[in-house]
């Protein structure tokens, strides 16, 4: 991070949008500050488009005047019930709020709001690093107001609440999720007193909607090293309350001196491996859930040790319930995650055996356009501490990838449909829609995937005639 003097901050903010904010505030006789994430990210030298402005007075009045000053193309949205406003023009988006103080009822995170001073407004902020403000008024333009030592905490990489964390977290328990999310995104350390308060107040998370919790989980998943967030969620006791299936992955059982790996920490390692190679949120969800079925399938067998037979299928079937409870989208995104979880064992099974053309064709067919994501997940799943074994598996995956390229180029298997479809089968043999039509269509598909016939219409037609003849059917 970089420490700026007030003069340097003034130069950094010497841009049209901030100068216009300054002129508008001065013309109305209002104190005006840019606050929160924009100020934090300025010091962290991170890009930030979100400009939040606090006005000591009417934020609505300030927003209307600013929109008018911006002129043509400016769109002003007023949210009078909340005392907030938004001004948009092109890529510019500025949020306005009047300085306020808040009080809470214990059963709700919705505050009772009163007009307040800048100090009141900074007191209600969630963390010291988000409580800094820079004055935009002409005579104080660029002056930093940092009553809680946010700059020091940025330097020390600490997440800490401005006031008593028990009050901060009890008043608005979503701040517990935000605390862990910021620590994860920024790779910061949560102050000991603040962390102790997370543990103490964790049950309060029950009043927060599942949608808001999932929003924070998604942001944790999209962090550079998402495992940090899930470890902190587990350490403070929140994980078992918001995601019991993930918490259930923890622990190692030993029988006759033989134990299995801790699936929780293995899962987080896989997640971090995927995060190094993909920014896709739903592939990261797939990594987080790829072994979610293991606790329900774990079994000790004297001849084989610990087994988790069919954990991929069990895990796939658990996903709709998890998505429903967490209010995640039950659409093609969920189906994609299910597909990744169901298929994640297939490439590993291929490299453990001989890499046959037939097995690779079937994998290409089942994975379709998601095959590259599946391979990324499977390569991330190799977390053995035996470096030779790890290297051998990864080398074998390279062979599988190359064979996929070769077969796809030759056979066009990805997302293919049999070249003779059900309608044509019914027309050729004068059949109604019956099970025999499906069987004949499936036999063509299997013959192509097994390399018995090439993927073209003439070969498929000839094969169909032979198969139908075995069933006593002849063309009409």
Protein backbone atom coordinates (compact mmCIF):
# COMPACT_ATOMS: atom_id res chain seq x y z
CA UNK A 1 0.00 0.00 0.00
CA UNK A 2 0.99 3.65 -0.27
CA UNK A 3 0.63 6.43 2.30
CA UNK A 4 -0.55 9.71 0.84
CA UNK A 5 -0.49 13.18 2.37
CA UNK A 6 -3.63 15.31 2.13
CA UNK A 7 -1.97 17.24 -0.69
CA UNK A 8 -1.30 14.02 -2.60
CA UNK A 9 -4.88 12.86 -2.02
CA UNK A 10 -6.11 16.17 -3.40
CA UNK A 11 -4.06 15.57 -6.55
CA UNK A 12 -5.36 11.98 -6.87
CA UNK A 13 -8.95 13.26 -6.63
CA UNK A 14 -8.35 16.16 -9.02
CA UNK A 15 -10.77 14.72 -11.54
CA UNK A 16 -13.89 16.16 -13.09
CA UNK A 17 -16.35 14.03 -11.10
CA UNK A 18 -14.80 14.91 -7.73
CA UNK A 19 -14.32 18.59 -8.53
CA UNK A 20 -17.96 18.76 -9.55
CA UNK A 21 -18.96 17.07 -6.28
CA UNK A 22 -16.91 19.68 -4.44
CA UNK A 23 -18.52 22.60 -6.29
CA UNK A 24 -22.02 21.17 -5.81
CA UNK A 25 -21.53 20.64 -2.06
CA UNK A 26 -20.09 24.13 -1.58
CA UNK A 27 -22.94 25.74 -3.52
CA UNK A 28 -25.43 24.01 -1.19
CA UNK A 29 -23.42 24.74 1.96
CA UNK A 30 -23.09 21.00 2.73
CA UNK A 31 -20.16 19.01 4.11
CA UNK A 32 -19.31 16.24 1.62
CA UNK A 33 -16.94 13.25 1.88
CA UNK A 34 -15.96 10.27 -0.25
CA UNK A 35 -15.96 7.27 2.11
CA UNK A 36 -15.60 3.53 2.48
CA UNK A 37 -14.23 1.16 -0.13
CA UNK A 38 -13.11 3.84 -2.57
CA UNK A 39 -10.87 5.44 0.08
CA UNK A 40 -9.56 2.06 1.25
CA UNK A 41 -8.73 0.95 -2.29
CA UNK A 42 -7.04 4.26 -3.04
CA UNK A 43 -4.41 3.48 -0.40
CA UNK A 44 -4.22 -0.18 -1.42
CA UNK A 45 -3.72 0.91 -5.05
CA UNK A 46 -6.59 -1.32 -6.12
CA UNK A 47 -9.02 -0.33 -8.87
CA UNK A 48 -12.41 0.77 -7.55
CA UNK A 49 -15.43 2.05 -9.45
CA UNK A 50 -17.75 2.37 -6.45
CA UNK A 51 -17.85 5.99 -5.28
CA UNK A 52 -19.76 6.36 -1.99
CA UNK A 53 -20.42 9.89 -0.79
CA UNK A 54 -21.58 10.95 2.68
CA UNK A 55 -23.24 14.31 3.02
CA UNK A 56 -23.73 16.01 6.38
CA UNK A 57 -27.26 17.03 5.57
CA UNK A 58 -29.55 15.82 2.80
CA UNK A 59 -27.96 13.22 0.55
CA UNK A 60 -31.07 13.38 -1.65
CA UNK A 61 -30.71 17.13 -2.18
CA UNK A 62 -27.02 16.68 -2.99
CA UNK A 63 -27.75 13.87 -5.47
CA UNK A 64 -30.37 15.91 -7.34
CA UNK A 65 -28.04 18.92 -7.59
CA UNK A 66 -25.12 16.76 -8.71
CA UNK A 67 -27.22 15.05 -11.37
CA UNK A 68 -28.29 18.46 -12.66
CA UNK A 69 -24.67 19.67 -12.69
CA UNK A 70 -23.57 16.58 -14.66
CA UNK A 71 -26.10 17.52 -17.28
CA UNK A 72 -27.33 15.54 -20.23
CA UNK A 73 -27.31 11.76 -19.80
CA UNK A 74 -27.26 11.82 -16.00
CA UNK A 75 -29.83 9.58 -14.31
CA UNK A 76 -30.79 10.24 -10.68
CA UNK A 77 -32.50 7.53 -8.56
CA UNK A 78 -33.88 8.58 -5.17
CA UNK A 79 -34.64 6.04 -2.44
CA UNK A 80 -36.48 8.29 -0.02
CA UNK A 81 -37.41 5.52 2.45
CA UNK A 82 -33.70 4.83 2.98
CA UNK A 83 -32.40 8.37 2.60
CA UNK A 84 -30.06 7.26 -0.18
CA UNK A 85 -29.66 8.14 -3.84
CA UNK A 86 -27.70 7.05 -6.88
CA UNK A 87 -26.45 9.11 -9.81
CA UNK A 88 -25.34 7.40 -13.02
CA UNK A 89 -23.88 8.80 -16.18
CA UNK A 90 -22.08 6.49 -18.56
CA UNK A 91 -19.53 4.50 -16.55
CA UNK A 92 -19.79 6.90 -13.60
CA UNK A 93 -21.85 5.71 -10.62
CA UNK A 94 -22.03 7.66 -7.36
CA UNK A 95 -23.99 6.60 -4.27
CA UNK A 96 -25.16 9.33 -1.87
CA UNK A 97 -26.30 9.07 1.73
CA UNK A 98 -26.86 11.59 4.45
CA UNK A 99 -24.62 11.20 7.52
CA UNK A 100 -26.56 9.20 10.08
CA UNK A 101 -26.47 7.34 13.33
CA UNK A 102 -28.13 3.98 13.82
CA UNK A 103 -29.67 1.87 16.57
CA UNK A 104 -30.93 -1.70 16.31
CA UNK A 105 -33.57 -4.05 17.68
CA UNK A 106 -32.06 -7.40 18.58
CA UNK A 107 -34.37 -9.42 16.32
CA UNK A 108 -33.55 -7.43 13.16
CA UNK A 109 -30.53 -6.12 11.27
CA UNK A 110 -32.61 -3.21 9.91
CA UNK A 111 -31.52 -0.11 11.87
CA UNK A 112 -33.49 2.79 13.27
CA UNK A 113 -31.86 5.72 11.47
CA UNK A 114 -31.46 9.33 12.56
CA UNK A 115 -29.62 12.24 10.99
CA UNK A 116 -26.12 12.55 12.38
CA UNK A 117 -22.66 14.00 12.04
CA UNK A 118 -19.71 12.63 10.09
CA UNK A 119 -18.46 11.17 13.38
CA UNK A 120 -21.79 9.37 13.88
CA UNK A 121 -21.56 8.00 10.36
CA UNK A 122 -18.01 6.75 10.82
CA UNK A 123 -18.99 5.14 14.14
CA UNK A 124 -21.58 2.98 12.37
CA UNK A 125 -19.11 1.67 9.74
CA UNK A 126 -18.21 -2.02 9.86
CA UNK A 127 -14.39 -1.92 9.92
CA UNK A 128 -11.72 0.68 10.51
CA UNK A 129 -10.38 0.30 6.97
CA UNK A 130 -13.86 1.16 5.67
CA UNK A 131 -14.43 4.07 8.07
CA UNK A 132 -11.99 6.53 6.49
CA UNK A 133 -13.30 9.61 4.71
CA UNK A 134 -11.76 12.23 2.44
CA UNK A 135 -13.29 15.70 2.45
CA UNK A 136 -14.42 17.04 -0.93
CA UNK A 137 -15.29 20.59 0.12
CA UNK A 138 -13.16 23.24 -1.56
CA UNK A 139 -11.37 24.55 1.52
CA UNK A 140 -10.53 21.03 2.79
CA UNK A 141 -10.34 19.12 -0.51
CA UNK A 142 -8.25 15.95 -0.01
CA UNK A 143 -8.21 16.07 3.81
CA UNK A 144 -8.28 12.57 5.31
CA UNK A 145 -10.53 11.98 8.33
CA UNK A 146 -9.43 8.73 10.00
CA UNK A 147 -10.62 8.61 13.64
CA UNK A 148 -10.07 4.87 14.14
CA UNK A 149 -6.60 4.38 12.67
CA UNK A 150 -7.72 2.77 9.44
CA UNK A 151 -4.44 3.73 7.77
CA UNK A 152 -2.46 1.94 10.49
CA UNK A 153 -4.66 -1.16 10.09
CA UNK A 154 -4.14 -1.10 6.33
CA UNK A 155 -0.40 -1.02 6.89
CA UNK A 156 -0.59 -3.81 9.46
CA UNK A 157 -3.06 -5.77 7.29
CA UNK A 158 -5.61 -6.04 10.09
CA UNK A 159 -9.42 -6.27 10.04
CA UNK A 160 -10.83 -4.57 13.14
CA UNK A 161 -14.14 -2.94 14.04
CA UNK A 162 -14.23 0.79 14.89
CA UNK A 163 -16.24 0.24 18.08
CA UNK A 164 -16.91 -2.76 20.36
CA UNK A 165 -17.09 -5.74 17.95
CA UNK A 166 -19.81 -7.36 20.08
CA UNK A 167 -22.05 -4.40 19.31
CA UNK A 168 -20.99 -4.26 15.67
CA UNK A 169 -21.68 -7.95 15.03
CA UNK A 170 -24.76 -8.28 17.22
CA UNK A 171 -26.39 -5.23 15.60
CA UNK A 172 -25.78 -6.49 12.07
CA UNK A 173 -24.60 -10.13 11.99
CA UNK A 174 -23.94 -9.97 8.24
CA UNK A 175 -20.84 -8.03 9.23
CA UNK A 176 -19.39 -11.31 10.53
CA UNK A 177 -19.49 -12.70 6.99
CA UNK A 178 -18.12 -9.42 5.62
CA UNK A 179 -15.29 -9.54 8.17
CA UNK A 180 -14.14 -12.93 6.88
CA UNK A 181 -14.76 -11.94 3.28
CA UNK A 182 -12.57 -8.82 3.51
CA UNK A 183 -9.83 -10.74 5.32
CA UNK A 184 -9.92 -13.31 2.49
CA UNK A 185 -10.06 -10.86 -0.41
CA UNK A 186 -7.29 -8.65 0.97
CA UNK A 187 -5.27 -11.42 2.65
CA UNK A 188 -5.56 -9.59 5.98
CA UNK A 189 -5.45 -10.92 9.54
CA UNK A 190 -8.55 -10.61 11.75
CA UNK A 191 -7.70 -8.82 15.00
CA UNK A 192 -7.83 -11.18 18.03
CA UNK A 193 -10.56 -9.25 19.86
CA UNK A 194 -12.61 -9.05 16.68
CA UNK A 195 -12.17 -12.78 16.03
CA UNK A 196 -13.20 -13.65 19.57
CA UNK A 197 -16.38 -11.65 18.96
CA UNK A 198 -17.07 -13.67 15.80
CA UNK A 199 -17.04 -16.81 17.95
CA UNK A 200 -19.18 -15.22 20.65
CA UNK A 201 -21.86 -13.86 18.29
CA UNK A 202 -21.93 -16.62 15.66
CA UNK A 203 -25.48 -17.75 16.55
CA UNK A 204 -26.75 -14.29 15.53
CA UNK A 205 -26.16 -15.29 11.90
CA UNK A 206 -29.57 -16.97 12.10
CA UNK A 207 -31.38 -13.67 11.48
CA UNK A 208 -29.56 -13.07 8.17
CA UNK A 209 -31.23 -14.12 4.92
CA UNK A 210 -29.71 -17.01 3.01
CA UNK A 211 -29.37 -14.77 -0.05
CA UNK A 212 -27.10 -12.33 1.77
CA UNK A 213 -24.98 -15.15 3.21
CA UNK A 214 -24.59 -16.69 -0.26
CA UNK A 215 -23.52 -13.33 -1.70
CA UNK A 216 -20.65 -13.25 0.80
CA UNK A 217 -19.77 -16.91 0.17
CA UNK A 218 -19.56 -16.17 -3.55
CA UNK A 219 -17.17 -13.29 -2.89
CA UNK A 220 -15.04 -15.53 -0.68
CA UNK A 221 -14.99 -18.18 -3.42
CA UNK A 222 -13.82 -15.58 -5.95
CA UNK A 223 -10.91 -14.44 -3.76
CA UNK A 224 -7.34 -15.27 -4.86
CA UNK A 225 -6.95 -17.88 -2.07
CA UNK A 226 -10.51 -18.81 -1.08
CA UNK A 227 -9.46 -21.50 1.42
CA UNK A 228 -8.49 -18.76 3.88
CA UNK A 229 -12.12 -17.70 4.20
CA UNK A 230 -13.45 -21.20 4.78
CA UNK A 231 -10.79 -21.91 7.39
CA UNK A 232 -11.77 -18.70 9.24
CA UNK A 233 -15.46 -19.59 8.95
CA UNK A 234 -14.67 -22.95 10.51
CA UNK A 235 -12.40 -21.56 13.24
CA UNK A 236 -15.05 -19.14 14.50
CA UNK A 237 -17.89 -21.69 14.35
CA UNK A 238 -19.91 -20.07 11.57
CA UNK A 239 -19.29 -22.83 9.02
CA UNK A 240 -21.33 -25.51 10.78
CA UNK A 241 -24.23 -23.05 11.06
CA UNK A 242 -24.32 -21.88 7.43
CA UNK A 243 -22.84 -24.88 5.60
CA UNK A 244 -23.12 -28.05 7.73
CA UNK A 245 -22.38 -30.37 4.77
CA UNK A 246 -18.97 -28.77 4.31
CA UNK A 247 -18.20 -28.81 8.03
CA UNK A 248 -19.06 -32.55 8.03
CA UNK A 249 -16.04 -33.23 5.78
CA UNK A 250 -13.68 -32.61 8.69
CA UNK A 251 -11.82 -35.19 10.70
CA UNK A 252 -9.85 -38.39 10.22
CA UNK A 253 -10.87 -41.83 11.45
CA UNK A 254 -8.32 -44.56 11.99
CA UNK A 255 -8.95 -48.32 12.07
CA UNK A 256 -6.09 -50.80 12.52
CA UNK A 257 -3.63 -47.99 12.00
CA UNK A 258 -5.14 -46.97 8.67
CA UNK A 259 -6.66 -43.53 8.31
CA UNK A 260 -8.09 -41.52 5.43
CA UNK A 261 -7.20 -37.98 4.47
CA UNK A 262 -9.06 -35.06 6.04
CA UNK A 263 -11.56 -34.40 3.26
CA UNK A 264 -12.20 -30.81 4.42
CA UNK A 265 -8.60 -29.71 4.01
CA UNK A 266 -8.25 -31.76 0.83
CA UNK A 267 -11.30 -29.94 -0.56
CA UNK A 268 -9.82 -26.54 0.26
CA UNK A 269 -6.56 -27.52 -1.43
CA UNK A 270 -8.48 -28.53 -4.55
CA UNK A 271 -10.39 -25.22 -4.41
CA UNK A 272 -7.17 -23.21 -4.24
CA UNK A 273 -5.71 -25.25 -7.11
CA UNK A 274 -8.76 -24.45 -9.26
CA UNK A 275 -8.60 -20.79 -8.22
CA UNK A 276 -5.07 -20.56 -9.59
CA UNK A 277 -6.33 -21.63 -13.01
CA UNK A 278 -9.89 -20.31 -13.31
CA UNK A 279 -11.96 -17.31 -12.21
CA UNK A 280 -15.21 -19.14 -12.95
CA UNK A 281 -17.44 -18.98 -9.85
CA UNK A 282 -19.35 -22.16 -10.65
CA UNK A 283 -16.23 -24.22 -11.32
CA UNK A 284 -15.03 -23.06 -7.90
CA UNK A 285 -18.37 -24.18 -6.43
CA UNK A 286 -17.83 -27.54 -8.11
CA UNK A 287 -14.39 -27.78 -6.49
CA UNK A 288 -15.90 -26.96 -3.10
CA UNK A 289 -18.60 -29.62 -3.52
CA UNK A 290 -16.74 -32.32 -5.46
CA UNK A 291 -16.37 -34.61 -2.41
CA UNK A 292 -19.45 -33.43 -0.49
CA UNK A 293 -20.91 -36.96 -0.68
CA UNK A 294 -17.98 -38.63 1.08
CA UNK A 295 -19.29 -38.51 4.68
CA UNK A 296 -22.46 -40.33 3.58
CA UNK A 297 -20.56 -43.02 1.70
CA UNK A 298 -17.57 -43.57 4.01
CA UNK A 299 -17.14 -47.22 4.96
CA UNK A 300 -14.40 -49.35 6.48
CA UNK A 301 -13.72 -52.59 4.61
CA UNK A 302 -10.99 -54.81 6.05
CA UNK A 303 -9.88 -55.93 2.60
CA UNK A 304 -9.74 -52.44 1.09
CA UNK A 305 -9.49 -49.96 3.95
CA UNK A 306 -11.58 -46.80 3.83
CA UNK A 307 -13.91 -46.60 0.84
CA UNK A 308 -16.22 -43.89 -0.53
CA UNK A 309 -18.03 -45.81 -3.26
CA UNK A 310 -20.28 -43.69 -5.48
CA UNK A 311 -19.58 -40.53 -3.49
CA UNK A 312 -19.70 -38.58 -6.75
CA UNK A 313 -23.28 -39.70 -7.47
CA UNK A 314 -24.38 -39.12 -3.88
CA UNK A 315 -22.76 -35.69 -3.94
CA UNK A 316 -24.46 -34.81 -7.22
CA UNK A 317 -27.85 -35.64 -5.69
CA UNK A 318 -27.12 -33.50 -2.61
CA UNK A 319 -26.51 -30.35 -4.65
CA UNK A 320 -30.13 -29.33 -5.37
CA UNK A 321 -30.89 -29.38 -1.64
CA UNK A 322 -27.80 -27.28 -0.87
CA UNK A 323 -28.62 -24.79 -3.63
CA UNK A 324 -32.25 -24.58 -2.48
CA UNK A 325 -31.32 -23.88 1.14
CA UNK A 326 -28.66 -21.34 0.20
CA UNK A 327 -30.94 -19.66 -2.37
CA UNK A 328 -28.39 -20.24 -5.13
CA UNK A 329 -29.75 -20.40 -8.68
CA UNK A 330 -31.44 -23.70 -9.49
CA UNK A 331 -30.82 -23.39 -13.21
CA UNK A 332 -28.10 -24.32 -15.71
CA UNK A 333 -25.47 -23.15 -13.18
CA UNK A 334 -26.61 -25.77 -10.67
CA UNK A 335 -26.77 -28.43 -13.42
CA UNK A 336 -23.22 -27.52 -14.42
CA UNK A 337 -22.01 -28.01 -10.82
CA UNK A 338 -23.86 -31.32 -10.63
CA UNK A 339 -22.25 -32.46 -13.85
CA UNK A 340 -18.76 -31.57 -12.62
CA UNK A 341 -19.32 -33.39 -9.32
CA UNK A 342 -20.79 -36.47 -11.01
CA UNK A 343 -17.99 -36.75 -13.58
CA UNK A 344 -14.97 -35.72 -11.51
CA UNK A 345 -13.87 -39.33 -10.96
CA UNK A 346 -14.02 -40.33 -14.64
CA UNK A 347 -10.71 -38.89 -15.91
CA UNK A 348 -8.92 -40.30 -12.86
CA UNK A 349 -10.37 -43.75 -13.59
CA UNK A 350 -9.15 -43.44 -17.18
CA UNK A 351 -5.57 -42.63 -16.21
CA UNK A 352 -5.54 -45.38 -13.60
CA UNK A 353 -6.41 -47.86 -16.35
CA UNK A 354 -5.19 -47.88 -19.93
CA UNK A 355 -6.21 -44.71 -21.75
CA UNK A 356 -8.49 -46.29 -24.35
CA UNK A 357 -10.08 -44.44 -27.25
CA UNK A 358 -13.50 -45.72 -26.18
CA UNK A 359 -13.20 -44.36 -22.63
CA UNK A 360 -12.03 -40.98 -23.90
CA UNK A 361 -14.86 -40.80 -26.48
CA UNK A 362 -17.43 -41.50 -23.76
CA UNK A 363 -15.90 -38.87 -21.51
CA UNK A 364 -16.02 -36.33 -24.36
CA UNK A 365 -19.63 -37.23 -25.04
CA UNK A 366 -20.76 -36.96 -21.42
CA UNK A 367 -18.82 -33.79 -20.59
CA UNK A 368 -19.54 -31.99 -23.86
CA UNK A 369 -18.37 -28.37 -23.93
CA UNK A 370 -17.48 -28.56 -20.23
CA UNK A 371 -14.66 -31.04 -20.79
CA UNK A 372 -11.88 -28.47 -20.30
CA UNK A 373 -13.38 -27.35 -16.98
CA UNK A 374 -13.70 -30.98 -15.90
CA UNK A 375 -10.04 -31.62 -16.67
CA UNK A 376 -9.06 -28.49 -14.73
CA UNK A 377 -11.03 -29.79 -11.72
CA UNK A 378 -9.54 -33.28 -12.01
CA UNK A 379 -5.98 -32.00 -12.25
CA UNK A 380 -6.65 -29.80 -9.20
CA UNK A 381 -7.90 -32.92 -7.37
CA UNK A 382 -4.42 -34.48 -7.44
CA UNK A 383 -3.19 -33.42 -3.99
CA UNK A 384 -1.04 -36.41 -3.06
CA UNK A 385 1.95 -35.63 -0.85
CA UNK A 386 3.81 -38.29 -2.84
CA UNK A 387 5.42 -36.05 -5.47
CA UNK A 388 6.25 -38.95 -7.81
CA UNK A 389 2.65 -40.19 -7.74
CA UNK A 390 1.37 -36.64 -8.29
CA UNK A 391 3.72 -36.11 -11.23
CA UNK A 392 2.71 -39.45 -12.76
CA UNK A 393 -1.01 -38.61 -12.58
CA UNK A 394 -0.52 -35.15 -14.07
CA UNK A 395 1.58 -36.58 -16.90
CA UNK A 396 -1.17 -39.11 -17.60
CA UNK A 397 -3.73 -36.30 -17.70
CA UNK A 398 -1.62 -34.66 -20.42
CA UNK A 399 -1.96 -37.88 -22.43
CA UNK A 400 -5.73 -37.83 -21.91
CA UNK A 401 -5.94 -34.19 -23.06
CA UNK A 402 -3.92 -34.97 -26.19
CA UNK A 403 -6.04 -38.02 -26.97
CA UNK A 404 -9.14 -35.84 -26.60
CA UNK A 405 -7.77 -33.39 -29.15
CA UNK A 406 -6.93 -36.20 -31.58
CA UNK A 407 -10.27 -38.00 -31.23
CA UNK A 408 -12.34 -34.84 -31.37
CA UNK A 409 -10.61 -33.83 -34.57
CA UNK A 410 -11.22 -37.26 -36.09
CA UNK A 411 -14.60 -38.30 -34.66
CA UNK A 412 -16.35 -35.00 -33.68
CA UNK A 413 -17.70 -36.58 -30.51
CA UNK A 414 -18.21 -33.54 -28.28
CA UNK A 415 -21.98 -32.96 -27.91
CA UNK A 416 -22.67 -35.17 -30.93
CA UNK A 417 -26.09 -36.62 -31.66
CA UNK A 418 -26.34 -40.02 -33.41
CA UNK A 419 -26.43 -39.36 -37.18
CA UNK A 420 -29.60 -41.46 -37.46
CA UNK A 421 -32.20 -40.07 -35.06
CA UNK A 422 -35.36 -41.55 -33.57
CA UNK A 423 -37.68 -40.03 -36.17
CA UNK A 424 -35.69 -41.59 -39.00
CA UNK A 425 -35.68 -44.98 -37.25
CA UNK A 426 -39.49 -44.83 -36.92
CA UNK A 427 -39.87 -43.86 -40.58
CA UNK A 428 -37.51 -46.61 -41.85
CA UNK A 429 -39.26 -49.41 -39.94
CA UNK A 430 -42.79 -47.97 -39.68
CA UNK A 431 -42.63 -47.90 -35.89
CA UNK A 432 -44.58 -45.93 -33.32
CA UNK A 433 -42.63 -44.24 -30.46
CA UNK A 434 -41.70 -47.33 -28.42
CA UNK A 435 -38.78 -48.57 -26.36
CA UNK A 436 -37.28 -50.40 -29.36
CA UNK A 437 -36.65 -47.03 -31.05
CA UNK A 438 -34.64 -45.86 -28.05
CA UNK A 439 -32.71 -49.12 -27.94
CA UNK A 440 -31.73 -48.88 -31.61
CA UNK A 441 -30.71 -45.23 -31.24
CA UNK A 442 -28.60 -46.12 -28.15
CA UNK A 443 -26.92 -48.98 -30.00
CA UNK A 444 -25.81 -46.55 -32.74
CA UNK A 445 -24.44 -44.15 -30.12
CA UNK A 446 -22.54 -46.94 -28.33
CA UNK A 447 -21.10 -48.25 -31.62
CA UNK A 448 -19.72 -44.81 -32.47
CA UNK A 449 -18.34 -44.20 -28.98
CA UNK A 450 -16.73 -47.64 -28.92
CA UNK A 451 -15.14 -47.04 -32.33
CA UNK A 452 -17.09 -49.86 -34.02
CA UNK A 453 -18.33 -47.48 -36.72
CA UNK A 454 -17.33 -43.96 -37.73
CA UNK A 455 -19.50 -40.97 -36.85
CA UNK A 456 -21.30 -40.57 -40.20
CA UNK A 457 -24.81 -41.26 -41.54
CA UNK A 458 -24.05 -44.05 -44.03
CA UNK A 459 -22.12 -46.15 -41.53
CA UNK A 460 -24.79 -45.57 -38.88
CA UNK A 461 -27.57 -46.54 -41.32
CA UNK A 462 -25.89 -49.82 -42.26
CA UNK A 463 -25.27 -50.62 -38.59
CA UNK A 464 -28.92 -49.83 -37.81
CA UNK A 465 -30.19 -52.25 -40.48
CA UNK A 466 -28.03 -55.05 -39.04
CA UNK A 467 -29.14 -54.35 -35.46
CA UNK A 468 -32.80 -54.17 -36.45
CA UNK A 469 -32.52 -57.46 -38.32
CA UNK A 470 -31.35 -59.16 -35.12
CA UNK A 471 -34.62 -57.96 -33.55
CA UNK A 472 -36.73 -59.25 -36.44
CA UNK A 473 -37.26 -55.82 -37.98
CA UNK A 474 -36.88 -55.01 -41.66
CA UNK A 475 -37.17 -51.68 -43.51
CA UNK A 476 -40.67 -50.90 -44.83
